[in-house]
Amino acid sequence: MTSSTLPEEPALPEGPAEIICSAKACQQAAAWALQWNNPRIHTPERRKTWLACDDHRQHLSHFLQARSFLRDVVPLPEFDGDLGGG
């Protein structure tokens, strides 16, 4: 009689997942939280968040500012908002 074994479950990563920049194809660690909203579709108090590395902070900020969406830029260690994708 042979015993069947279940495949091992993959190990979960230890510690928090790395938080990466929101710029397309960038894999660098984020250092900044860019808080924004679109006033045409969001209430004034609603904030969405993009994350930026040092290299993409200015580019992403300019993109949002050009559309009057940017509300605040906060260093990631000081950011106390939701990073759950909003």
PDB file of N, CA and C in Angstrom:
ATOM      1  N   MET A   1       0.831  -1.161   0.000  1.00  0.00           N
ATOM      2  CA  MET A   1       0.000   0.000   0.000  1.00  0.00           C
ATOM      3  C   MET A   1       0.888   1.241   0.000  1.00  0.00           C
ATOM      4  N   THR A   2       0.617   2.132  -0.933  1.00  0.00           N
ATOM      5  CA  THR A   2       1.413   3.361  -1.004  1.00  0.00           C
ATOM      6  C   THR A   2       0.618   4.516  -0.415  1.00  0.00           C
ATOM      7  N   SER A   3       1.303   5.367   0.211  1.00  0.00           N
ATOM      8  CA  SER A   3       0.616   6.532   0.768  1.00  0.00           C
ATOM      9  C   SER A   3       0.783   7.692  -0.204  1.00  0.00           C
ATOM     10  N   SER A   4      -0.287   8.420  -0.404  1.00  0.00           N
ATOM     11  CA  SER A   4      -0.172   9.585  -1.285  1.00  0.00           C
ATOM     12  C   SER A   4       0.134  10.799  -0.420  1.00  0.00           C
ATOM     13  N   THR A   5       0.939  11.663  -0.975  1.00  0.00           N
ATOM     14  CA  THR A   5       1.274  12.877  -0.245  1.00  0.00           C
ATOM     15  C   THR A   5       0.796  14.082  -1.032  1.00  0.00           C
ATOM     16  N   LEU A   6       0.385  15.064  -0.307  1.00  0.00           N
ATOM     17  CA  LEU A   6      -0.034  16.308  -0.937  1.00  0.00           C
ATOM     18  C   LEU A   6       1.196  17.149  -1.233  1.00  0.00           C
ATOM     19  N   PRO A   7       1.147  17.928  -2.310  1.00  0.00           N
ATOM     20  CA  PRO A   7       2.291  18.797  -2.578  1.00  0.00           C
ATOM     21  C   PRO A   7       2.423  19.823  -1.456  1.00  0.00           C
ATOM     22  N   GLU A   8       3.646  20.182  -1.192  1.00  0.00           N
ATOM     23  CA  GLU A   8       3.873  21.189  -0.158  1.00  0.00           C
ATOM     24  C   GLU A   8       3.345  22.528  -0.627  1.00  0.00           C
ATOM     25  N   GLU A   9       2.775  23.279   0.314  1.00  0.00           N
ATOM     26  CA  GLU A   9       2.326  24.625  -0.022  1.00  0.00           C
ATOM     27  C   GLU A   9       3.539  25.533  -0.095  1.00  0.00           C
ATOM     28  N   PRO A  10       3.513  26.490  -1.021  1.00  0.00           N
ATOM     29  CA  PRO A  10       4.664  27.383  -1.126  1.00  0.00           C
ATOM     30  C   PRO A  10       4.803  28.211   0.149  1.00  0.00           C
ATOM     31  N   ALA A  11       6.029  28.473   0.507  1.00  0.00           N
ATOM     32  CA  ALA A  11       6.281  29.282   1.697  1.00  0.00           C
ATOM     33  C   ALA A  11       5.856  30.717   1.434  1.00  0.00           C
ATOM     34  N   LEU A  12       5.256  31.326   2.424  1.00  0.00           N
ATOM     35  CA  LEU A  12       4.881  32.732   2.314  1.00  0.00           C
ATOM     36  C   LEU A  12       6.117  33.585   2.556  1.00  0.00           C
ATOM     37  N   PRO A  13       6.202  34.721   1.853  1.00  0.00           N
ATOM     38  CA  PRO A  13       7.367  35.574   2.078  1.00  0.00           C
ATOM     39  C   PRO A  13       7.370  36.101   3.507  1.00  0.00           C
ATOM     40  N   GLU A  14       8.562  36.237   4.053  1.00  0.00           N
ATOM     41  CA  GLU A  14       8.678  36.757   5.409  1.00  0.00           C
ATOM     42  C   GLU A  14       8.720  38.275   5.354  1.00  0.00           C
ATOM     43  N   GLY A  15       8.046  38.920   6.285  1.00  0.00           N
ATOM     44  CA  GLY A  15       8.031  40.376   6.356  1.00  0.00           C
ATOM     45  C   GLY A  15       7.074  40.964   5.334  1.00  0.00           C
ATOM     46  N   PRO A  16       6.945  42.289   5.334  1.00  0.00           N
ATOM     47  CA  PRO A  16       6.009  42.937   4.406  1.00  0.00           C
ATOM     48  C   PRO A  16       6.506  42.859   2.970  1.00  0.00           C
ATOM     49  N   ALA A  17       5.571  42.825   2.045  1.00  0.00           N
ATOM     50  CA  ALA A  17       5.930  42.824   0.632  1.00  0.00           C
ATOM     51  C   ALA A  17       6.562  44.170   0.292  1.00  0.00           C
ATOM     52  N   GLU A  18       7.482  44.163  -0.639  1.00  0.00           N
ATOM     53  CA  GLU A  18       8.118  45.415  -1.044  1.00  0.00           C
ATOM     54  C   GLU A  18       7.092  46.295  -1.736  1.00  0.00           C
ATOM     55  N   ILE A  19       7.125  47.551  -1.420  1.00  0.00           N
ATOM     56  CA  ILE A  19       6.200  48.520  -2.005  1.00  0.00           C
ATOM     57  C   ILE A  19       6.939  49.184  -3.156  1.00  0.00           C
ATOM     58  N   ILE A  20       6.432  48.992  -4.377  1.00  0.00           N
ATOM     59  CA  ILE A  20       7.147  49.481  -5.551  1.00  0.00           C
ATOM     60  C   ILE A  20       6.468  50.695  -6.176  1.00  0.00           C
ATOM     61  N   CYS A  21       7.211  51.393  -6.970  1.00  0.00           N
ATOM     62  CA  CYS A  21       6.783  52.593  -7.675  1.00  0.00           C
ATOM     63  C   CYS A  21       5.620  52.271  -8.622  1.00  0.00           C
ATOM     64  N   SER A  22       4.707  53.233  -8.768  1.00  0.00           N
ATOM     65  CA  SER A  22       3.545  53.075  -9.653  1.00  0.00           C
ATOM     66  C   SER A  22       3.850  53.379 -11.114  1.00  0.00           C
ATOM     67  N   ALA A  23       5.017  53.926 -11.420  1.00  0.00           N
ATOM     68  CA  ALA A  23       5.366  54.241 -12.804  1.00  0.00           C
ATOM     69  C   ALA A  23       5.424  52.951 -13.622  1.00  0.00           C
ATOM     70  N   LYS A  24       4.940  53.036 -14.846  1.00  0.00           N
ATOM     71  CA  LYS A  24       4.889  51.863 -15.712  1.00  0.00           C
ATOM     72  C   LYS A  24       6.263  51.210 -15.848  1.00  0.00           C
ATOM     73  N   ALA A  25       6.306  49.917 -15.607  1.00  0.00           N
ATOM     74  CA  ALA A  25       7.494  49.063 -15.739  1.00  0.00           C
ATOM     75  C   ALA A  25       8.587  49.330 -14.708  1.00  0.00           C
ATOM     76  N   CYS A  26       8.360  50.225 -13.766  1.00  0.00           N
ATOM     77  CA  CYS A  26       9.368  50.492 -12.739  1.00  0.00           C
ATOM     78  C   CYS A  26       9.245  49.444 -11.643  1.00  0.00           C
ATOM     79  N   GLN A  27      10.367  48.938 -11.201  1.00  0.00           N
ATOM     80  CA  GLN A  27      10.395  47.948 -10.132  1.00  0.00           C
ATOM     81  C   GLN A  27      11.164  48.448  -8.907  1.00  0.00           C
ATOM     82  N   GLN A  28      11.444  49.752  -8.869  1.00  0.00           N
ATOM     83  CA  GLN A  28      12.176  50.319  -7.747  1.00  0.00           C
ATOM     84  C   GLN A  28      11.269  50.471  -6.527  1.00  0.00           C
ATOM     85  N   ALA A  29      11.867  50.469  -5.372  1.00  0.00           N
ATOM     86  CA  ALA A  29      11.115  50.670  -4.136  1.00  0.00           C
ATOM     87  C   ALA A  29      10.557  52.090  -4.114  1.00  0.00           C
ATOM     88  N   ALA A  30       9.326  52.217  -3.675  1.00  0.00           N
ATOM     89  CA  ALA A  30       8.690  53.522  -3.573  1.00  0.00           C
ATOM     90  C   ALA A  30       9.251  54.276  -2.371  1.00  0.00           C
ATOM     91  N   ALA A  31       9.347  55.596  -2.528  1.00  0.00           N
ATOM     92  CA  ALA A  31       9.815  56.461  -1.448  1.00  0.00           C
ATOM     93  C   ALA A  31       8.815  57.565  -1.149  1.00  0.00           C
ATOM     94  N   TRP A  32       7.822  57.738  -2.032  1.00  0.00           N
ATOM     95  CA  TRP A  32       6.868  58.839  -1.931  1.00  0.00           C
ATOM     96  C   TRP A  32       5.447  58.347  -2.164  1.00  0.00           C
ATOM     97  N   ALA A  33       4.491  58.975  -1.467  1.00  0.00           N
ATOM     98  CA  ALA A  33       3.062  58.734  -1.701  1.00  0.00           C
ATOM     99  C   ALA A  33       2.489  60.004  -2.316  1.00  0.00           C
ATOM    100  N   LEU A  34       1.948  59.883  -3.517  1.00  0.00           N
ATOM    101  CA  LEU A  34       1.326  61.013  -4.202  1.00  0.00           C
ATOM    102  C   LEU A  34      -0.181  60.855  -4.045  1.00  0.00           C
ATOM    103  N   GLN A  35      -0.780  61.755  -3.301  1.00  0.00           N
ATOM    104  CA  GLN A  35      -2.216  61.677  -3.053  1.00  0.00           C
ATOM    105  C   GLN A  35      -2.936  62.568  -4.058  1.00  0.00           C
ATOM    106  N   TRP A  36      -3.991  62.026  -4.650  1.00  0.00           N
ATOM    107  CA  TRP A  36      -4.688  62.758  -5.692  1.00  0.00           C
ATOM    108  C   TRP A  36      -6.162  62.393  -5.702  1.00  0.00           C
ATOM    109  N   ASN A  37      -6.937  63.198  -6.416  1.00  0.00           N
ATOM    110  CA  ASN A  37      -8.307  62.837  -6.742  1.00  0.00           C
ATOM    111  C   ASN A  37      -8.729  63.579  -8.006  1.00  0.00           C
ATOM    112  N   ASN A  38      -9.711  63.021  -8.672  1.00  0.00           N
ATOM    113  CA  ASN A  38     -10.286  63.642  -9.853  1.00  0.00           C
ATOM    114  C   ASN A  38     -11.565  64.329  -9.391  1.00  0.00           C
ATOM    115  N   PRO A  39     -11.594  65.649  -9.344  1.00  0.00           N
ATOM    116  CA  PRO A  39     -12.760  66.344  -8.803  1.00  0.00           C
ATOM    117  C   PRO A  39     -14.044  66.126  -9.590  1.00  0.00           C
ATOM    118  N   ARG A  40     -13.924  65.666 -10.815  1.00  0.00           N
ATOM    119  CA  ARG A  40     -15.144  65.391 -11.593  1.00  0.00           C
ATOM    120  C   ARG A  40     -15.854  64.123 -11.133  1.00  0.00           C
ATOM    121  N   ILE A  41     -15.088  63.180 -10.549  1.00  0.00           N
ATOM    122  CA  ILE A  41     -15.724  61.915 -10.164  1.00  0.00           C
ATOM    123  C   ILE A  41     -15.554  61.552  -8.698  1.00  0.00           C
ATOM    124  N   HIS A  42     -14.674  62.249  -7.973  1.00  0.00           N
ATOM    125  CA  HIS A  42     -14.443  61.936  -6.559  1.00  0.00           C
ATOM    126  C   HIS A  42     -14.940  63.072  -5.674  1.00  0.00           C
ATOM    127  N   THR A  43     -15.384  62.728  -4.490  1.00  0.00           N
ATOM    128  CA  THR A  43     -15.731  63.752  -3.511  1.00  0.00           C
ATOM    129  C   THR A  43     -14.444  64.466  -3.091  1.00  0.00           C
ATOM    130  N   PRO A  44     -14.526  65.713  -2.618  1.00  0.00           N
ATOM    131  CA  PRO A  44     -13.308  66.467  -2.281  1.00  0.00           C
ATOM    132  C   PRO A  44     -12.407  65.789  -1.249  1.00  0.00           C
ATOM    133  N   GLU A  45     -12.976  65.043  -0.325  1.00  0.00           N
ATOM    134  CA  GLU A  45     -12.156  64.408   0.715  1.00  0.00           C
ATOM    135  C   GLU A  45     -11.541  63.078   0.281  1.00  0.00           C
ATOM    136  N   ARG A  46     -11.976  62.519  -0.828  1.00  0.00           N
ATOM    137  CA  ARG A  46     -11.452  61.239  -1.314  1.00  0.00           C
ATOM    138  C   ARG A  46     -10.026  61.399  -1.793  1.00  0.00           C
ATOM    139  N   ARG A  47      -9.166  60.479  -1.424  1.00  0.00           N
ATOM    140  CA  ARG A  47      -7.780  60.491  -1.882  1.00  0.00           C
ATOM    141  C   ARG A  47      -7.402  59.127  -2.431  1.00  0.00           C
ATOM    142  N   LYS A  48      -6.863  59.147  -3.625  1.00  0.00           N
ATOM    143  CA  LYS A  48      -6.265  57.955  -4.213  1.00  0.00           C
ATOM    144  C   LYS A  48      -4.758  58.134  -4.078  1.00  0.00           C
ATOM    145  N   THR A  49      -4.015  57.039  -4.156  1.00  0.00           N
ATOM    146  CA  THR A  49      -2.575  57.134  -3.932  1.00  0.00           C
ATOM    147  C   THR A  49      -1.798  56.428  -5.027  1.00  0.00           C
ATOM    148  N   TRP A  50      -0.835  57.139  -5.562  1.00  0.00           N
ATOM    149  CA  TRP A  50       0.184  56.541  -6.404  1.00  0.00           C
ATOM    150  C   TRP A  50       1.464  56.561  -5.596  1.00  0.00           C
ATOM    151  N   LEU A  51       2.295  55.572  -5.815  1.00  0.00           N
ATOM    152  CA  LEU A  51       3.588  55.506  -5.147  1.00  0.00           C
ATOM    153  C   LEU A  51       4.676  55.835  -6.148  1.00  0.00           C
ATOM    154  N   ALA A  52       5.723  56.514  -5.684  1.00  0.00           N
ATOM    155  CA  ALA A  52       6.796  56.911  -6.595  1.00  0.00           C
ATOM    156  C   ALA A  52       8.157  56.672  -5.961  1.00  0.00           C
ATOM    157  N   CYS A  53       9.080  56.217  -6.792  1.00  0.00           N
ATOM    158  CA  CYS A  53      10.480  56.149  -6.380  1.00  0.00           C
ATOM    159  C   CYS A  53      11.060  57.555  -6.564  1.00  0.00           C
ATOM    160  N   ASP A  54      12.290  57.755  -6.117  1.00  0.00           N
ATOM    161  CA  ASP A  54      12.910  59.075  -6.273  1.00  0.00           C
ATOM    162  C   ASP A  54      13.020  59.479  -7.742  1.00  0.00           C
ATOM    163  N   ASP A  55      13.280  58.519  -8.627  1.00  0.00           N
ATOM    164  CA  ASP A  55      13.446  58.820 -10.053  1.00  0.00           C
ATOM    165  C   ASP A  55      12.145  59.250 -10.728  1.00  0.00           C
ATOM    166  N   HIS A  56      11.000  58.761 -10.276  1.00  0.00           N
ATOM    167  CA  HIS A  56       9.724  59.048 -10.937  1.00  0.00           C
ATOM    168  C   HIS A  56       8.823  60.035 -10.196  1.00  0.00           C
ATOM    169  N   ARG A  57       9.263  60.501  -9.042  1.00  0.00           N
ATOM    170  CA  ARG A  57       8.415  61.419  -8.262  1.00  0.00           C
ATOM    171  C   ARG A  57       8.021  62.648  -9.077  1.00  0.00           C
ATOM    172  N   GLN A  58       8.981  63.311  -9.693  1.00  0.00           N
ATOM    173  CA  GLN A  58       8.690  64.533 -10.436  1.00  0.00           C
ATOM    174  C   GLN A  58       7.790  64.262 -11.644  1.00  0.00           C
ATOM    175  N   HIS A  59       8.062  63.204 -12.379  1.00  0.00           N
ATOM    176  CA  HIS A  59       7.267  62.881 -13.564  1.00  0.00           C
ATOM    177  C   HIS A  59       5.805  62.597 -13.196  1.00  0.00           C
ATOM    178  N   LEU A  60       5.601  61.755 -12.187  1.00  0.00           N
ATOM    179  CA  LEU A  60       4.224  61.424 -11.789  1.00  0.00           C
ATOM    180  C   LEU A  60       3.516  62.634 -11.187  1.00  0.00           C
ATOM    181  N   SER A  61       4.234  63.425 -10.412  1.00  0.00           N
ATOM    182  CA  SER A  61       3.643  64.640  -9.839  1.00  0.00           C
ATOM    183  C   SER A  61       3.212  65.602 -10.941  1.00  0.00           C
ATOM    184  N   HIS A  62       4.085  65.798 -11.939  1.00  0.00           N
ATOM    185  CA  HIS A  62       3.754  66.690 -13.056  1.00  0.00           C
ATOM    186  C   HIS A  62       2.514  66.201 -13.808  1.00  0.00           C
ATOM    187  N   PHE A  63       2.440  64.894 -14.059  1.00  0.00           N
ATOM    188  CA  PHE A  63       1.281  64.313 -14.742  1.00  0.00           C
ATOM    189  C   PHE A  63      -0.012  64.652 -14.001  1.00  0.00           C
ATOM    190  N   LEU A  64      -0.004  64.470 -12.680  1.00  0.00           N
ATOM    191  CA  LEU A  64      -1.201  64.751 -11.879  1.00  0.00           C
ATOM    192  C   LEU A  64      -1.481  66.248 -11.770  1.00  0.00           C
ATOM    193  N   GLN A  65      -0.435  67.055 -11.621  1.00  0.00           N
ATOM    194  CA  GLN A  65      -0.615  68.505 -11.517  1.00  0.00           C
ATOM    195  C   GLN A  65      -1.201  69.085 -12.802  1.00  0.00           C
ATOM    196  N   ALA A  66      -0.775  68.592 -13.944  1.00  0.00           N
ATOM    197  CA  ALA A  66      -1.253  69.094 -15.227  1.00  0.00           C
ATOM    198  C   ALA A  66      -2.764  68.907 -15.381  1.00  0.00           C
ATOM    199  N   ARG A  67      -3.310  67.951 -14.652  1.00  0.00           N
ATOM    200  CA  ARG A  67      -4.743  67.675 -14.692  1.00  0.00           C
ATOM    201  C   ARG A  67      -5.484  68.231 -13.477  1.00  0.00           C
ATOM    202  N   SER A  68      -4.766  68.958 -12.629  1.00  0.00           N
ATOM    203  CA  SER A  68      -5.303  69.504 -11.368  1.00  0.00           C
ATOM    204  C   SER A  68      -5.803  68.404 -10.447  1.00  0.00           C
ATOM    205  N   PHE A  69      -5.118  67.255 -10.450  1.00  0.00           N
ATOM    206  CA  PHE A  69      -5.502  66.127  -9.597  1.00  0.00           C
ATOM    207  C   PHE A  69      -4.638  66.022  -8.333  1.00  0.00           C
ATOM    208  N   LEU A  70      -3.395  66.497  -8.382  1.00  0.00           N
ATOM    209  CA  LEU A  70      -2.468  66.305  -7.266  1.00  0.00           C
ATOM    210  C   LEU A  70      -2.922  67.089  -6.041  1.00  0.00           C
ATOM    211  N   ARG A  71      -2.976  66.413  -4.895  1.00  0.00           N
ATOM    212  CA  ARG A  71      -3.383  67.051  -3.645  1.00  0.00           C
ATOM    213  C   ARG A  71      -2.235  67.136  -2.637  1.00  0.00           C
ATOM    214  N   ASP A  72      -1.355  66.129  -2.608  1.00  0.00           N
ATOM    215  CA  ASP A  72      -0.274  66.134  -1.628  1.00  0.00           C
ATOM    216  C   ASP A  72       0.795  65.118  -2.028  1.00  0.00           C
ATOM    217  N   VAL A  73       2.037  65.403  -1.665  1.00  0.00           N
ATOM    218  CA  VAL A  73       3.155  64.479  -1.847  1.00  0.00           C
ATOM    219  C   VAL A  73       3.786  64.293  -0.474  1.00  0.00           C
ATOM    220  N   VAL A  74       3.835  63.042  -0.017  1.00  0.00           N
ATOM    221  CA  VAL A  74       4.283  62.741   1.334  1.00  0.00           C
ATOM    222  C   VAL A  74       5.384  61.684   1.277  1.00  0.00           C
ATOM    223  N   PRO A  75       6.477  61.883   2.034  1.00  0.00           N
ATOM    224  CA  PRO A  75       7.485  60.812   2.109  1.00  0.00           C
ATOM    225  C   PRO A  75       6.818  59.537   2.640  1.00  0.00           C
ATOM    226  N   LEU A  76       7.101  58.420   2.034  1.00  0.00           N
ATOM    227  CA  LEU A  76       6.425  57.172   2.387  1.00  0.00           C
ATOM    228  C   LEU A  76       6.491  56.833   3.873  1.00  0.00           C
ATOM    229  N   PRO A  77       7.621  57.057   4.563  1.00  0.00           N
ATOM    230  CA  PRO A  77       7.633  56.733   5.995  1.00  0.00           C
ATOM    231  C   PRO A  77       6.645  57.572   6.823  1.00  0.00           C
ATOM    232  N   GLU A  78       6.244  58.727   6.303  1.00  0.00           N
ATOM    233  CA  GLU A  78       5.300  59.595   7.019  1.00  0.00           C
ATOM    234  C   GLU A  78       3.853  59.385   6.571  1.00  0.00           C
ATOM    235  N   PHE A  79       3.652  58.599   5.531  1.00  0.00           N
ATOM    236  CA  PHE A  79       2.307  58.383   4.987  1.00  0.00           C
ATOM    237  C   PHE A  79       1.517  57.439   5.880  1.00  0.00           C
ATOM    238  N   ASP A  80       0.335  57.876   6.280  1.00  0.00           N
ATOM    239  CA  ASP A  80      -0.480  57.033   7.161  1.00  0.00           C
ATOM    240  C   ASP A  80      -1.791  56.610   6.498  1.00  0.00           C
ATOM    241  N   GLY A  81      -1.864  56.744   5.187  1.00  0.00           N
ATOM    242  CA  GLY A  81      -3.066  56.379   4.456  1.00  0.00           C
ATOM    243  C   GLY A  81      -3.068  54.927   4.034  1.00  0.00           C
ATOM    244  N   ASP A  82      -4.062  54.585   3.217  1.00  0.00           N
ATOM    245  CA  ASP A  82      -4.249  53.221   2.739  1.00  0.00           C
ATOM    246  C   ASP A  82      -3.429  52.994   1.479  1.00  0.00           C
ATOM    247  N   LEU A  83      -2.625  51.937   1.470  1.00  0.00           N
ATOM    248  CA  LEU A  83      -1.863  51.566   0.279  1.00  0.00           C
ATOM    249  C   LEU A  83      -2.545  50.447  -0.479  1.00  0.00           C
ATOM    250  N   GLY A  84      -3.788  50.163  -0.139  1.00  0.00           N
ATOM    251  CA  GLY A  84      -4.491  49.037  -0.741  1.00  0.00           C
ATOM    252  C   GLY A  84      -4.957  49.279  -2.162  1.00  0.00           C
ATOM    253  N   GLY A  85      -4.575  50.338  -2.784  1.00  0.00           N
ATOM    254  CA  GLY A  85      -4.973  50.592  -4.164  1.00  0.00           C
ATOM    255  C   GLY A  85      -6.313  51.266  -4.218  1.00  0.00           C
ATOM    256  N   GLY A  86      -6.339  52.507  -4.311  1.00  0.00           N
ATOM    257  CA  GLY A  86      -7.602  53.153  -4.172  1.00  0.00           C
ATOM    258  C   GLY A  86      -7.989  54.045  -5.191  1.00  0.00           C
TER     259      GLY A  86
END
